[in-house]
Amino acid sequence: MDNALLVSLSHQIASYRSMDVIANNIANVSTPAFQREEPTFQEYVMNVPPAEGQSGTQSLSFVQDAGIVRDLSEGRLATTGAPFDFAIHGKGYFVVQTPNGERYTRAGHFTLNDSGQLVTSNGDAVQGDSGAITITPGDGEVHIAQDGTISGKNGQIGRIRVVDFQNPRALMKEGASLYNANGQQPVSADNFQLQTGMIETSNVEPVIEISHMIEVMRAYQATATLTQSQEDLMRQAIDKLGSTPS
């Protein structure tokens, strides 16, 4: 019976973990460029000695947390009309300079600070091919091409740097929609189009997440019922042993 309780507990922990990830997805349904996450699990088999009435080694199947996988599919592109909102159509990440070094993001809601630098909502400088990008009033009306080239009345101002990685899922998520390269070397992105006056929305589908939540709740309830049944059997066994004449 103890083994059955341990198996049930591993399933309940897995359900709790799944619910936590689903709740985080739903909470970020309005976060620009948020990439939904999905927990992954694997079977862990442990061999145990046979119980009374059994013969041969018995196997117990536990649920083991194997980590979280990000859905890299592109979110819907929403029009904002803001001159320094950008969306990457295709693969790639913007490069921003933070106090902790270069970080990467697909959230392209940018503005100009008091010095004319293109920055994120947190004030981190958006990087071009030659460093930070500065746009001055003397540049006049600027034009941003789909390859990220920024031009003014006096010619080219700079080019927004867009990079990609060999394994984007290995990027380490930080706050404010930023990612750490986690030891990978960025390379120049290919086959992307920079859309001006647009931002990429979250790729979370609320209806799908809610349906997953219902499935997890039902799985948890089934496991909780199994646990309760095992506890009832144990209680009955103890009662019978206690009532047996010595």
Protein backbone atom coordinates (compact mmCIF):
# COMPACT_ATOMS: atom_id res chain seq x y z
CA MET A 1 0.00 0.00 0.00
CA ASP A 2 2.86 2.40 0.76
CA ASN A 3 4.12 1.95 -2.79
CA ALA A 4 0.72 2.84 -4.20
CA LEU A 5 0.65 5.99 -2.10
CA LEU A 6 4.09 6.99 -3.37
CA VAL A 7 3.02 6.48 -6.99
CA SER A 8 -0.12 8.55 -6.37
CA LEU A 9 1.97 11.28 -4.77
CA SER A 10 4.27 11.50 -7.80
CA HIS A 11 1.22 11.89 -10.05
CA GLN A 12 -0.21 14.61 -7.82
CA ILE A 13 3.06 16.53 -7.86
CA ALA A 14 3.09 16.30 -11.67
CA SER A 15 -0.47 17.64 -11.81
CA TYR A 16 0.44 20.50 -9.49
CA ARG A 17 3.43 21.36 -11.69
CA SER A 18 1.26 21.29 -14.83
CA MET A 19 -1.33 23.55 -13.25
CA ASP A 20 1.37 26.02 -12.22
CA VAL A 21 2.68 26.27 -15.81
CA ILE A 22 -0.83 26.61 -17.28
CA ALA A 23 -1.66 29.39 -14.81
CA ASN A 24 1.50 31.26 -15.81
CA ASN A 25 0.56 30.94 -19.50
CA ILE A 26 -2.90 32.35 -18.87
CA ALA A 27 -1.46 35.19 -16.76
CA ASN A 28 0.75 36.20 -19.71
CA VAL A 29 -1.89 36.03 -22.44
CA SER A 30 -1.53 39.82 -22.91
CA THR A 31 2.28 39.96 -22.60
CA PRO A 32 3.85 40.94 -25.95
CA ALA A 33 5.86 38.13 -27.58
CA PHE A 34 5.33 35.77 -24.64
CA GLN A 35 5.97 32.16 -25.64
CA ARG A 36 3.75 29.63 -23.95
CA GLU A 37 5.38 26.89 -21.93
CA GLU A 38 4.57 23.25 -21.45
CA PRO A 39 5.92 20.91 -18.77
CA THR A 40 7.43 17.62 -19.87
CA PHE A 41 7.51 14.45 -17.81
CA GLN A 42 9.13 11.07 -18.15
CA GLU A 43 8.55 7.69 -16.59
CA TYR A 44 10.83 6.60 -13.79
CA VAL A 45 10.69 2.84 -13.15
CA MET A 46 11.94 1.43 -9.86
CA ASN A 47 12.25 -2.27 -9.09
CA VAL A 48 11.09 -3.35 -5.63
CA PRO A 49 11.00 -6.69 -3.79
CA PRO A 50 7.75 -8.66 -4.12
CA ALA A 51 5.05 -8.10 -1.53
CA GLU A 52 3.19 -10.89 0.25
CA GLY A 53 1.45 -13.09 -2.32
CA GLN A 54 3.66 -11.89 -5.18
CA SER A 55 6.60 -13.56 -6.87
CA GLY A 56 9.58 -12.03 -8.62
CA THR A 57 10.75 -8.44 -8.69
CA GLN A 58 7.97 -5.87 -9.02
CA SER A 59 8.18 -2.62 -10.99
CA LEU A 60 6.80 0.74 -9.86
CA SER A 61 6.20 3.50 -12.39
CA PHE A 62 6.67 7.06 -11.11
CA VAL A 63 6.26 10.41 -12.86
CA GLN A 64 9.46 12.45 -13.05
CA ASP A 65 9.62 16.14 -13.97
CA ALA A 66 11.83 16.54 -17.05
CA GLY A 67 11.61 20.34 -17.35
CA ILE A 68 9.71 22.93 -19.36
CA VAL A 69 9.59 23.34 -23.14
CA ARG A 70 8.79 26.68 -24.79
CA ASP A 71 6.49 26.90 -27.78
CA LEU A 72 8.52 28.87 -30.35
CA SER A 73 5.64 29.45 -32.74
CA GLU A 74 5.14 33.07 -33.76
CA GLY A 75 2.38 35.03 -32.08
CA ARG A 76 -0.14 37.11 -33.97
CA LEU A 77 1.13 40.49 -35.21
CA ALA A 78 -0.97 43.36 -33.89
CA THR A 79 -0.95 46.86 -35.37
CA THR A 80 -0.16 49.67 -32.91
CA GLY A 81 0.79 52.50 -35.25
CA ALA A 82 3.63 53.54 -32.91
CA PRO A 83 6.68 54.53 -35.00
CA PHE A 84 9.15 52.55 -32.89
CA ASP A 85 7.13 49.38 -32.33
CA PHE A 86 8.65 46.48 -34.23
CA ALA A 87 7.62 42.87 -34.78
CA ILE A 88 9.90 40.17 -36.13
CA HIS A 89 8.09 38.10 -38.74
CA GLY A 90 10.18 34.93 -38.82
CA LYS A 91 12.94 33.67 -36.57
CA GLY A 92 15.13 36.00 -34.57
CA TYR A 93 15.57 38.15 -31.48
CA PHE A 94 16.33 41.80 -30.85
CA VAL A 95 19.55 42.50 -28.95
CA VAL A 96 19.43 44.87 -25.96
CA GLN A 97 22.20 46.03 -23.66
CA THR A 98 21.37 45.61 -19.98
CA PRO A 99 23.46 46.21 -16.83
CA ASN A 100 24.09 42.45 -16.85
CA GLY A 101 25.24 42.32 -20.47
CA GLU A 102 23.51 41.56 -23.74
CA ARG A 103 20.05 40.07 -23.54
CA TYR A 104 17.61 39.01 -26.24
CA THR A 105 13.90 39.57 -26.77
CA ARG A 106 11.12 39.41 -29.34
CA ALA A 107 9.09 42.09 -27.57
CA GLY A 108 9.61 45.09 -29.84
CA HIS A 109 7.84 47.88 -27.94
CA PHE A 110 10.60 50.52 -28.13
CA THR A 111 10.78 54.28 -27.58
CA LEU A 112 13.37 57.06 -27.72
CA ASN A 113 14.85 58.28 -24.44
CA ASP A 114 15.91 61.86 -23.67
CA SER A 115 19.21 61.28 -25.49
CA GLY A 116 17.51 59.97 -28.62
CA GLN A 117 18.57 56.38 -28.01
CA LEU A 118 16.22 53.58 -29.03
CA VAL A 119 15.40 51.79 -25.77
CA THR A 120 13.05 49.20 -24.28
CA SER A 121 10.35 50.06 -21.75
CA ASN A 122 12.97 49.34 -19.04
CA GLY A 123 15.44 51.80 -20.55
CA ASP A 124 17.81 49.20 -22.00
CA ALA A 125 19.47 50.30 -25.25
CA VAL A 126 18.43 48.44 -28.38
CA GLN A 127 21.54 47.36 -30.25
CA GLY A 128 22.35 47.92 -33.89
CA ASP A 129 25.17 46.46 -35.94
CA SER A 130 27.47 49.17 -34.52
CA GLY A 131 26.10 49.47 -31.00
CA ALA A 132 23.29 51.60 -29.60
CA ILE A 133 21.03 53.37 -32.09
CA THR A 134 20.58 57.13 -31.71
CA ILE A 135 18.02 59.15 -33.66
CA THR A 136 18.19 62.95 -33.45
CA PRO A 137 15.73 65.64 -34.54
CA GLY A 138 18.19 66.49 -37.31
CA ASP A 139 17.55 63.12 -38.91
CA GLY A 140 14.07 64.26 -39.86
CA GLU A 141 11.46 61.64 -40.71
CA VAL A 142 13.01 58.19 -40.40
CA HIS A 143 12.25 55.11 -42.45
CA ILE A 144 12.79 51.56 -41.21
CA ALA A 145 13.22 48.89 -43.87
CA GLN A 146 12.18 45.26 -43.38
CA ASP A 147 15.81 44.25 -42.88
CA GLY A 148 16.06 46.67 -39.94
CA THR A 149 17.94 49.46 -41.74
CA ILE A 150 17.05 52.90 -40.33
CA SER A 151 17.43 55.85 -42.67
CA GLY A 152 16.91 59.60 -42.24
CA LYS A 153 17.13 62.62 -44.47
CA ASN A 154 20.93 62.53 -44.22
CA GLY A 155 21.26 58.86 -45.11
CA GLN A 156 21.54 55.63 -43.13
CA ILE A 157 21.43 55.98 -39.35
CA GLY A 158 21.98 52.36 -38.41
CA ARG A 159 20.55 48.88 -38.65
CA ILE A 160 18.65 47.10 -35.90
CA ARG A 161 20.51 43.95 -34.96
CA VAL A 162 18.47 40.75 -35.16
CA VAL A 163 20.11 37.48 -34.15
CA ASP A 164 19.21 33.82 -33.91
CA PHE A 165 20.54 30.79 -32.04
CA GLN A 166 21.25 27.19 -32.89
CA ASN A 167 18.92 26.06 -30.11
CA PRO A 168 16.48 28.83 -29.13
CA ARG A 169 14.80 26.56 -26.57
CA ALA A 170 18.05 26.52 -24.60
CA LEU A 171 17.82 30.27 -23.96
CA MET A 172 17.37 31.05 -20.27
CA LYS A 173 14.31 33.14 -19.50
CA GLU A 174 14.75 36.23 -17.35
CA GLY A 175 12.30 38.95 -16.37
CA ALA A 176 10.83 41.64 -18.64
CA SER A 177 10.56 39.28 -21.66
CA LEU A 178 14.37 38.97 -21.83
CA TYR A 179 16.45 35.87 -22.49
CA ASN A 180 20.01 34.99 -21.54
CA ALA A 181 22.09 33.28 -24.25
CA ASN A 182 23.04 30.60 -21.71
CA GLY A 183 26.45 30.05 -23.29
CA GLN A 184 25.30 30.05 -26.92
CA GLN A 185 26.82 32.36 -29.51
CA PRO A 186 24.29 34.48 -31.42
CA VAL A 187 24.46 34.58 -35.21
CA SER A 188 22.87 37.04 -37.62
CA ALA A 189 19.28 36.04 -38.34
CA ASP A 190 18.21 35.23 -41.88
CA ASN A 191 14.81 35.13 -43.57
CA PHE A 192 13.03 37.58 -41.28
CA GLN A 193 11.00 40.70 -41.95
CA LEU A 194 10.81 43.60 -39.53
CA GLN A 195 7.29 44.99 -39.38
CA THR A 196 7.08 48.64 -38.28
CA GLY A 197 4.18 49.92 -36.18
CA MET A 198 3.34 46.40 -35.02
CA ILE A 199 4.13 44.14 -32.08
CA GLU A 200 4.04 40.39 -31.72
CA THR A 201 1.38 39.24 -29.29
CA SER A 202 1.52 36.24 -26.98
CA ASN A 203 1.11 32.86 -28.67
CA VAL A 204 -1.03 31.63 -25.76
CA GLU A 205 -4.55 30.50 -26.74
CA PRO A 206 -6.74 30.95 -23.62
CA VAL A 207 -9.37 28.41 -24.69
CA ILE A 208 -6.74 25.72 -25.23
CA GLU A 209 -5.07 26.50 -21.89
CA ILE A 210 -8.38 26.29 -20.05
CA SER A 211 -9.11 22.92 -21.66
CA HIS A 212 -5.69 21.70 -20.53
CA MET A 213 -6.46 22.98 -17.04
CA ILE A 214 -9.68 20.94 -16.95
CA GLU A 215 -7.78 17.82 -18.05
CA VAL A 216 -5.18 18.31 -15.31
CA MET A 217 -7.89 18.86 -12.68
CA ARG A 218 -9.60 15.61 -13.68
CA ALA A 219 -6.30 13.72 -13.58
CA TYR A 220 -5.57 15.14 -10.13
CA GLN A 221 -9.03 14.19 -8.86
CA ALA A 222 -8.62 10.63 -10.17
CA THR A 223 -5.26 10.32 -8.40
CA ALA A 224 -6.69 11.82 -5.21
CA THR A 225 -9.49 9.23 -5.32
CA LEU A 226 -6.92 6.45 -5.65
CA THR A 227 -5.01 7.83 -2.67
CA GLN A 228 -8.18 7.99 -0.58
CA SER A 229 -9.02 4.37 -1.51
CA GLN A 230 -5.58 3.21 -0.40
CA GLU A 231 -5.94 5.07 2.89
CA ASP A 232 -9.35 3.50 3.48
CA LEU A 233 -7.92 0.02 2.83
CA MET A 234 -5.10 0.69 5.27
CA ARG A 235 -7.53 1.95 7.89
CA GLN A 236 -9.72 -1.14 7.48
CA ALA A 237 -6.70 -3.41 7.78
CA ILE A 238 -5.62 -1.69 10.98
CA ASP A 239 -9.15 -1.94 12.42
CA LYS A 240 -9.28 -5.67 11.64
CA LEU A 241 -5.90 -6.27 13.20
CA GLY A 242 -6.96 -4.32 16.27
CA SER A 243 -10.14 -6.39 16.69
CA THR A 244 -8.39 -9.74 16.26
CA PRO A 245 -8.24 -11.64 19.61
CA SER A 246 -4.71 -12.08 20.89
